Amino acid sequence: MNYILFDDHSWEQLLPLTFTRPVSYIRVGILTIHEKWEKYLGSEVSSLTKDYLSVKYPKIIDKDNILINACLLPSPELLKEIKAINLNEAIVFSGRILAARVDNFKAESFDFKSITGLKVKEASTAPLTIDFPWQIFQFNGDEIKNDFALITEGRKSALLSTTMNLLNPENIFVEEGFKGEFATINASSGPVYLGKDSEIMEGAIVRGPFALCEHSTLKMGAKIYGPTTIGPGSKAGGEINNSVIFGNSNKGHDGFLGNSVIGEWCNIGADSNNSNLKNNYAIVKLWSYPEERFIDTGLQFCGLIMGDHSKCGINTMFNTGTVVGVNANIFGDGFPRNFIPSFSWGGSAGFITFAIPKAFEVAEKVMARRNIVFDEKEQSILRAVFELTEKYRR
């Protein structure tokens, strides 16, 4: 059986995080949605996404294909229904296609908003989906717990140093190569996962649920409130609360990050802070790309959403519910506006366009620091994002 994770309208709703990736490559919990499905299915999966992203995330089509909505968070119940799906049949919930099994599949002509020609079966339970950026940190605690159980089942944890101060150590799982001395980990409120070759430096304090993914570092004196995920290859420090860093990003210094999602290849300058609660305790509104306006999140706590390759200078201050696009460079005093378009350069005093050659020069240097080549695939994706977001920079 060939499995394909397809993007529907959630791709637009999850912008700017999905400008540079399919929906299934969003990290929530310990794993990306893509990685979760591969573990649940025991099989490799591919992505059906926007054409310009397909150069990096190609689809694989076979004779018999099961297509699964990429915004779905897997569960044993959902897996059972998908495994039992018949040929030319679709599982739906409230009119939305969750999964479909089709032969002679042609991606160019398949309508994911329509169920014409397919036998329809209603899902037995309401699925859990990631449809909006704030749901990533909102669901992160439960997903850390689910992924923790999935990853650690039947496995034995590596040992921690006797200098570590531990509460509920049975809820801590340590992969080989982890380094840590003289730090405090409290796993009484949720599991703590410490990935391969990760490190927690001296004096750091962690309260679960928490995931420190492979090759990531928690700096000295860091204060981490769960549920928080630090994705692979990242550096984190200061105070972080209920946030997700996708990977290969730095928030290595003092400053507060709360109820936020940070993409890849981002850098948060020293002593930068975001607000996650309005002074009047009102429900936070967040910029919506498909609606081109600010919409209610339904949340009282909502901080910063930052797309890939964006950076901010030291002492940057972000208002509650700020959305930063891809490849933005923010600096200066005062609060910049709540929506910062992709490829913007500036701050509260105003923005100019961050020109493609300069942006590429920075991206090449940043990725080289982690021994990753800024290749033509990466360049073509960023060029496409530059063109797609031009209207927001006018």
Protein backbone atom coordinates (compact mmCIF):
# COMPACT_ATOMS: atom_id res chain seq x y z
CA MET A 1 0.00 0.00 0.00
CA ASN A 2 1.24 3.48 -0.91
CA TYR A 3 0.46 6.33 1.49
CA ILE A 4 0.32 10.02 0.55
CA LEU A 5 -0.33 12.90 2.94
CA PHE A 6 -2.23 15.61 1.06
CA ASP A 7 -2.66 19.30 1.86
CA ASP A 8 -6.18 20.76 1.81
CA HIS A 9 -7.33 24.24 2.86
CA SER A 10 -5.42 23.93 6.13
CA TRP A 11 -2.25 24.77 4.17
CA GLU A 12 -3.47 28.34 3.60
CA GLN A 13 -4.73 28.66 7.17
CA LEU A 14 -1.34 27.59 8.57
CA LEU A 15 0.64 30.24 6.71
CA PRO A 16 3.33 31.58 7.15
CA LEU A 17 4.61 28.28 8.60
CA THR A 18 3.55 26.36 5.49
CA PHE A 19 5.04 28.75 2.94
CA THR A 20 8.16 26.57 3.13
CA ARG A 21 6.77 23.12 3.92
CA PRO A 22 3.79 20.81 3.47
CA VAL A 23 1.38 20.66 6.41
CA SER A 24 2.71 17.24 7.42
CA TYR A 25 6.16 18.68 8.15
CA ILE A 26 4.82 20.78 11.01
CA ARG A 27 6.28 19.70 14.34
CA VAL A 28 3.82 19.29 17.21
CA GLY A 29 4.81 17.21 20.22
CA ILE A 30 8.16 15.49 19.68
CA LEU A 31 7.65 14.49 16.04
CA THR A 32 6.41 16.12 12.86
CA ILE A 33 2.99 14.98 11.62
CA HIS A 34 4.86 13.20 8.79
CA GLU A 35 7.03 11.27 11.26
CA LYS A 36 3.99 10.35 13.38
CA TRP A 37 2.20 8.80 10.42
CA GLU A 38 5.26 6.82 9.32
CA LYS A 39 5.51 5.32 12.80
CA TYR A 40 1.79 4.54 12.99
CA LEU A 41 1.65 3.05 9.49
CA GLY A 42 5.01 1.29 9.63
CA SER A 43 5.63 2.63 6.14
CA GLU A 44 7.20 5.56 4.34
CA VAL A 45 4.81 8.29 3.24
CA SER A 46 5.12 11.09 0.69
CA SER A 47 3.48 14.50 0.35
CA LEU A 48 1.03 16.00 -2.10
CA THR A 49 1.42 19.74 -1.72
CA LYS A 50 1.89 22.96 -3.70
CA ASP A 51 3.85 22.57 -6.93
CA TYR A 52 6.70 24.87 -5.85
CA LEU A 53 7.23 22.79 -2.69
CA SER A 54 7.27 19.51 -4.62
CA VAL A 55 10.89 20.05 -5.70
CA LYS A 56 11.87 19.31 -2.10
CA TYR A 57 8.86 17.22 -1.05
CA PRO A 58 7.96 15.01 -4.05
CA LYS A 59 4.88 12.81 -4.17
CA ILE A 60 5.16 9.08 -4.86
CA ILE A 61 2.19 7.52 -6.69
CA ASP A 62 1.60 3.78 -7.06
CA LYS A 63 -1.24 1.57 -8.36
CA ASP A 64 -3.08 1.46 -5.04
CA ASN A 65 -2.90 4.65 -2.96
CA ILE A 66 -4.32 5.73 0.37
CA LEU A 67 -4.41 9.49 0.66
CA ILE A 68 -4.53 10.92 4.18
CA ASN A 69 -5.30 14.51 5.08
CA ALA A 70 -1.98 15.97 6.26
CA CYS A 71 -3.55 18.04 9.05
CA LEU A 72 -4.74 14.89 10.86
CA LEU A 73 -2.99 13.90 14.08
CA PRO A 74 -2.89 10.09 14.08
CA SER A 75 -4.54 7.95 16.73
CA PRO A 76 -5.08 4.19 17.07
CA GLU A 77 -8.80 4.65 16.35
CA LEU A 78 -8.18 6.66 13.19
CA LEU A 79 -5.48 4.24 12.04
CA LYS A 80 -7.91 1.33 12.34
CA GLU A 81 -10.47 3.10 10.13
CA ILE A 82 -7.87 4.01 7.52
CA LYS A 83 -6.46 0.49 7.38
CA ALA A 84 -9.99 -0.84 6.75
CA ILE A 85 -10.78 1.56 3.89
CA ASN A 86 -11.88 -0.07 0.63
CA LEU A 87 -10.86 0.81 -2.90
CA ASN A 88 -12.51 3.99 -4.23
CA GLU A 89 -13.88 4.81 -0.81
CA ALA A 90 -13.44 7.97 1.29
CA ILE A 91 -13.66 8.60 5.02
CA VAL A 92 -15.18 11.99 5.77
CA PHE A 93 -16.13 14.05 8.78
CA SER A 94 -18.57 16.94 8.42
CA GLY A 95 -18.05 16.85 4.64
CA ARG A 96 -14.25 17.04 4.87
CA ILE A 97 -12.17 14.25 3.35
CA LEU A 98 -9.98 12.61 5.97
CA ALA A 99 -8.70 9.75 3.82
CA ALA A 100 -9.41 8.11 0.48
CA ARG A 101 -8.23 4.97 -1.26
CA VAL A 102 -7.97 5.32 -5.02
CA ASP A 103 -6.47 3.54 -8.00
CA ASN A 104 -5.28 5.20 -11.21
CA PHE A 105 -4.65 8.30 -9.12
CA LYS A 106 -3.90 11.52 -10.96
CA ALA A 107 -2.94 14.32 -8.61
CA GLU A 108 -3.66 17.03 -11.16
CA SER A 109 -7.34 16.08 -11.48
CA PHE A 110 -8.21 14.93 -7.96
CA ASP A 111 -10.51 17.34 -6.14
CA PHE A 112 -9.95 17.24 -2.40
CA LYS A 113 -13.05 19.35 -1.81
CA SER A 114 -15.25 16.90 -3.66
CA ILE A 115 -16.16 13.28 -3.02
CA THR A 116 -17.60 12.66 -6.48
CA GLY A 117 -17.05 9.10 -7.67
CA LEU A 118 -16.10 7.78 -4.25
CA LYS A 119 -18.18 5.80 -1.82
CA VAL A 120 -18.45 7.85 1.35
CA LYS A 121 -18.09 6.56 4.90
CA GLU A 122 -18.49 8.88 7.89
CA ALA A 123 -15.70 8.72 10.49
CA SER A 124 -16.83 7.17 13.76
CA THR A 125 -15.16 9.84 15.93
CA ALA A 126 -14.22 13.49 15.49
CA PRO A 127 -10.58 13.72 14.33
CA LEU A 128 -7.97 15.99 15.90
CA THR A 129 -6.53 18.33 13.28
CA ILE A 130 -3.97 21.11 13.06
CA ASP A 131 -5.77 23.82 11.10
CA PHE A 132 -4.38 27.04 12.60
CA PRO A 133 -0.92 28.07 13.83
CA TRP A 134 -1.98 28.53 17.46
CA GLN A 135 -3.19 24.93 17.65
CA ILE A 136 0.45 23.82 17.43
CA PHE A 137 1.28 25.09 20.91
CA GLN A 138 -2.29 24.52 22.11
CA PHE A 139 -2.10 20.75 21.39
CA ASN A 140 1.61 20.38 22.11
CA GLY A 141 1.24 18.94 25.62
CA ASP A 142 -1.01 16.05 24.59
CA GLU A 143 1.14 15.37 21.54
CA ILE A 144 4.35 15.23 23.60
CA LYS A 145 2.63 12.61 25.78
CA ASN A 146 1.40 10.64 22.74
CA ASP A 147 4.76 10.78 20.96
CA PHE A 148 6.62 9.91 24.15
CA ALA A 149 4.57 6.71 24.48
CA LEU A 150 5.04 5.93 20.78
CA ILE A 151 8.81 6.45 20.77
CA THR A 152 9.68 4.81 24.09
CA GLU A 153 7.44 1.73 24.02
CA GLY A 154 9.51 -1.37 24.77
CA ARG A 155 12.74 0.63 24.99
CA LYS A 156 15.09 1.34 27.88
CA SER A 157 16.25 4.87 28.66
CA ALA A 158 19.92 5.79 28.88
CA LEU A 159 21.10 6.94 32.30
CA LEU A 160 21.35 10.53 33.52
CA SER A 161 24.25 11.88 35.54
CA THR A 162 23.91 11.65 39.31
CA THR A 163 24.47 15.43 39.47
CA MET A 164 21.04 16.02 37.90
CA ASN A 165 18.14 16.95 40.22
CA LEU A 166 15.16 14.84 39.11
CA LEU A 167 11.48 14.63 40.04
CA ASN A 168 9.53 11.65 38.69
CA PRO A 169 12.52 10.22 36.79
CA GLU A 170 10.33 7.38 35.49
CA ASN A 171 8.72 10.00 33.19
CA ILE A 172 12.09 10.96 31.67
CA PHE A 173 13.48 9.19 28.59
CA VAL A 174 17.07 9.76 27.53
CA GLU A 175 18.51 8.85 24.14
CA GLU A 176 22.15 7.87 23.67
CA GLY A 177 24.64 10.72 23.52
CA PHE A 178 22.73 13.09 25.81
CA LYS A 179 24.91 15.31 28.01
CA GLY A 180 23.76 17.08 31.15
CA GLU A 181 25.09 18.08 34.57
CA PHE A 182 23.70 20.05 37.53
CA ALA A 183 20.29 20.81 36.02
CA THR A 184 16.77 20.28 37.40
CA ILE A 185 14.09 18.30 35.58
CA ASN A 186 10.57 18.05 36.99
CA ALA A 187 8.59 15.41 35.07
CA SER A 188 5.69 15.27 37.54
CA SER A 189 3.42 17.34 35.27
CA GLY A 190 4.32 15.56 32.04
CA PRO A 191 7.00 13.46 30.34
CA VAL A 192 10.42 14.78 29.37
CA TYR A 193 12.16 13.47 26.24
CA LEU A 194 15.87 14.14 25.73
CA GLY A 195 16.94 13.39 22.18
CA LYS A 196 20.09 11.86 20.76
CA ASP A 197 23.23 13.98 21.29
CA SER A 198 21.25 16.77 22.95
CA GLU A 199 22.53 18.73 25.94
CA ILE A 200 21.19 20.54 29.00
CA MET A 201 23.76 22.87 30.50
CA GLU A 202 24.28 23.63 34.17
CA GLY A 203 21.60 25.47 36.10
CA ALA A 204 18.78 24.93 33.62
CA ILE A 205 15.34 24.24 35.10
CA VAL A 206 12.79 22.20 33.14
CA ARG A 207 9.15 21.41 33.91
CA GLY A 208 7.44 18.91 31.61
CA PRO A 209 5.91 18.11 29.27
CA PHE A 210 9.10 18.89 27.39
CA ALA A 211 10.97 17.62 24.33
CA LEU A 212 14.59 18.44 23.54
CA CYS A 213 15.13 16.91 20.12
CA GLU A 214 18.38 15.53 18.73
CA HIS A 215 21.48 17.74 18.56
CA SER A 216 19.72 20.55 20.45
CA THR A 217 21.08 22.47 23.42
CA LEU A 218 19.44 24.07 26.44
CA LYS A 219 21.71 26.86 27.64
CA MET A 220 22.88 27.59 31.20
CA GLY A 221 20.21 28.92 33.54
CA ALA A 222 17.35 28.38 31.09
CA LYS A 223 13.83 28.26 32.55
CA ILE A 224 11.47 26.02 30.59
CA TYR A 225 7.76 25.69 31.34
CA GLY A 226 5.99 22.90 29.51
CA PRO A 227 4.49 22.00 27.27
CA THR A 228 7.46 23.08 25.15
CA THR A 229 9.34 21.50 22.24
CA ILE A 230 12.82 22.45 21.09
CA GLY A 231 13.23 20.92 17.63
CA PRO A 232 16.40 19.28 16.22
CA GLY A 233 19.58 21.30 15.93
CA SER A 234 18.33 24.24 17.99
CA LYS A 235 19.67 26.31 20.87
CA ALA A 236 17.36 27.58 23.59
CA GLY A 237 17.84 29.76 26.64
CA GLY A 238 16.14 32.36 28.80
CA GLU A 239 12.48 31.78 29.70
CA ILE A 240 10.27 29.71 27.41
CA ASN A 241 6.65 28.74 28.09
CA ASN A 242 4.31 26.52 26.01
CA SER A 243 6.15 27.06 22.73
CA VAL A 244 7.34 25.01 19.76
CA ILE A 245 10.59 25.61 17.87
CA PHE A 246 10.51 23.52 14.69
CA GLY A 247 14.27 23.03 14.35
CA ASN A 248 17.66 24.56 13.45
CA SER A 249 16.74 27.82 15.17
CA ASN A 250 18.28 29.81 18.01
CA LYS A 251 16.66 31.45 21.00
CA GLY A 252 19.83 31.16 23.00
CA HIS A 253 19.75 34.18 25.30
CA ASP A 254 17.72 35.73 28.10
CA GLY A 255 14.29 37.02 27.16
CA PHE A 256 10.76 35.57 27.16
CA LEU A 257 9.08 33.40 24.52
CA GLY A 258 5.58 32.24 25.35
CA ASN A 259 2.65 30.56 23.56
CA SER A 260 4.58 30.80 20.32
CA VAL A 261 5.68 28.84 17.25
CA ILE A 262 9.08 29.49 15.66
CA GLY A 263 10.00 27.97 12.29
CA GLU A 264 13.38 26.75 11.05
CA TRP A 265 16.55 28.84 10.55
CA CYS A 266 15.27 31.61 12.83
CA ASN A 267 17.26 33.63 15.35
CA ILE A 268 15.84 35.50 18.33
CA GLY A 269 18.22 38.24 19.52
CA ALA A 270 19.36 38.61 23.13
CA ASP A 271 16.82 40.03 25.60
CA SER A 272 14.01 39.88 23.04
CA ASN A 273 10.52 39.33 24.44
CA ASN A 274 7.05 38.61 23.19
CA SER A 275 3.79 39.41 24.92
CA ASN A 276 1.42 36.47 25.19
CA LEU A 277 -1.38 38.22 27.12
CA LYS A 278 -3.11 41.51 26.32
CA ASN A 279 -3.23 44.17 29.05
CA ASN A 280 -7.04 44.01 29.03
CA TYR A 281 -7.04 40.17 29.08
CA ALA A 282 -9.06 40.14 25.84
CA ILE A 283 -9.14 37.26 23.35
CA VAL A 284 -6.15 37.52 21.01
CA LYS A 285 -6.59 38.09 17.28
CA LEU A 286 -4.06 36.79 14.76
CA TRP A 287 -3.43 37.62 11.10
CA SER A 288 -5.09 35.18 8.69
CA TYR A 289 -3.63 34.91 5.19
CA PRO A 290 -6.72 33.40 3.50
CA GLU A 291 -9.03 36.01 5.05
CA GLU A 292 -6.47 38.84 4.86
CA ARG A 293 -7.54 40.19 8.22
CA PHE A 294 -7.06 39.51 11.92
CA ILE A 295 -9.27 36.71 13.24
CA ASP A 296 -10.17 35.56 16.75
CA THR A 297 -8.05 32.72 18.07
CA GLY A 298 -10.42 32.05 20.98
CA LEU A 299 -7.33 32.19 23.21
CA GLN A 300 -6.38 34.57 25.98
CA PHE A 301 -2.72 33.54 25.66
CA CYS A 302 -1.17 33.75 22.20
CA GLY A 303 2.31 35.05 21.41
CA LEU A 304 4.52 35.00 18.32
CA ILE A 305 4.22 33.02 15.07
CA MET A 306 7.45 33.29 13.04
CA GLY A 307 8.07 31.78 9.60
CA ASP A 308 11.33 30.17 8.46
CA HIS A 309 14.57 32.17 8.05
CA SER A 310 13.29 35.18 10.02
CA LYS A 311 15.48 37.00 12.54
CA CYS A 312 15.17 39.71 15.15
CA GLY A 313 17.86 41.89 16.71
CA ILE A 314 18.61 42.35 20.39
CA ASN A 315 15.89 43.78 22.66
CA THR A 316 13.14 43.27 20.08
CA MET A 317 9.62 43.55 21.54
CA PHE A 318 6.72 41.69 19.94
CA ASN A 319 3.10 42.54 20.71
CA THR A 320 0.58 39.89 21.67
CA GLY A 321 -0.43 37.83 18.65
CA THR A 322 2.28 38.88 16.20
CA VAL A 323 2.73 37.04 12.89
CA VAL A 324 6.11 37.28 11.15
CA GLY A 325 6.45 35.89 7.64
CA VAL A 326 9.40 34.13 5.98
CA ASN A 327 12.84 35.74 5.76
CA ALA A 328 11.98 38.89 7.70
CA ASN A 329 14.69 40.84 9.53
CA ILE A 330 13.39 42.89 12.48
CA PHE A 331 15.38 45.34 14.60
CA GLY A 332 15.24 48.67 16.42
CA ASP A 333 13.33 50.02 19.40
CA GLY A 334 9.56 50.09 19.94
CA PHE A 335 6.96 47.50 18.99
CA PRO A 336 6.76 46.52 15.32
CA ARG A 337 3.29 45.93 13.92
CA ASN A 338 1.37 42.71 14.56
CA PHE A 339 1.73 41.46 10.98
CA ILE A 340 5.16 41.58 9.35
CA PRO A 341 5.19 40.36 5.72
CA SER A 342 7.78 37.97 4.36
CA PHE A 343 11.07 39.51 3.14
CA SER A 344 10.59 42.64 5.26
CA TRP A 345 13.56 44.56 6.66
CA GLY A 346 13.08 47.06 9.49
CA GLY A 347 11.05 47.62 12.64
CA SER A 348 8.63 49.99 14.35
CA ALA A 349 9.86 52.87 12.19
CA GLY A 350 8.81 51.04 9.03
CA PHE A 351 9.95 48.32 6.63
CA ILE A 352 11.62 48.02 3.27
CA THR A 353 11.98 44.90 1.11
CA PHE A 354 14.70 42.44 2.08
CA ALA A 355 16.16 41.89 -1.39
CA ILE A 356 16.54 38.31 -2.63
CA PRO A 357 20.35 38.40 -3.11
CA LYS A 358 20.92 39.67 0.44
CA ALA A 359 18.40 37.21 1.90
CA PHE A 360 20.06 34.31 0.08
CA GLU A 361 23.48 35.41 1.28
CA VAL A 362 22.30 35.24 4.90
CA ALA A 363 20.50 31.90 4.42
CA GLU A 364 23.62 30.33 2.90
CA LYS A 365 25.75 31.40 5.87
CA VAL A 366 23.20 30.33 8.48
CA MET A 367 22.66 26.87 7.00
CA ALA A 368 26.40 26.31 6.47
CA ARG A 369 26.89 26.67 10.23
CA ARG A 370 24.96 23.41 10.57
CA ASN A 371 26.69 21.81 7.59
CA ILE A 372 23.62 22.05 5.37
CA VAL A 373 23.88 23.38 1.81
CA PHE A 374 21.54 26.16 0.73
CA ASP A 375 20.87 24.43 -2.58
CA GLU A 376 18.79 25.23 -5.63
CA LYS A 377 15.71 23.52 -4.13
CA GLU A 378 15.82 25.81 -1.09
CA GLN A 379 16.43 28.84 -3.29
CA SER A 380 13.52 28.05 -5.61
CA ILE A 381 11.13 27.71 -2.66
CA LEU A 382 12.18 31.07 -1.22
CA ARG A 383 11.89 32.73 -4.64
CA ALA A 384 8.34 31.42 -4.89
CA VAL A 385 7.52 32.73 -1.40
CA PHE A 386 8.97 36.14 -2.35
CA GLU A 387 6.62 36.31 -5.34
CA LEU A 388 3.60 34.97 -3.44
CA THR A 389 3.96 37.58 -0.72
CA GLU A 390 4.77 40.63 -2.84
CA LYS A 391 1.34 42.21 -2.35
CA TYR A 392 1.82 42.35 1.44
CA ARG A 393 4.98 44.46 1.10
CA ARG A 394 3.34 47.25 -0.91
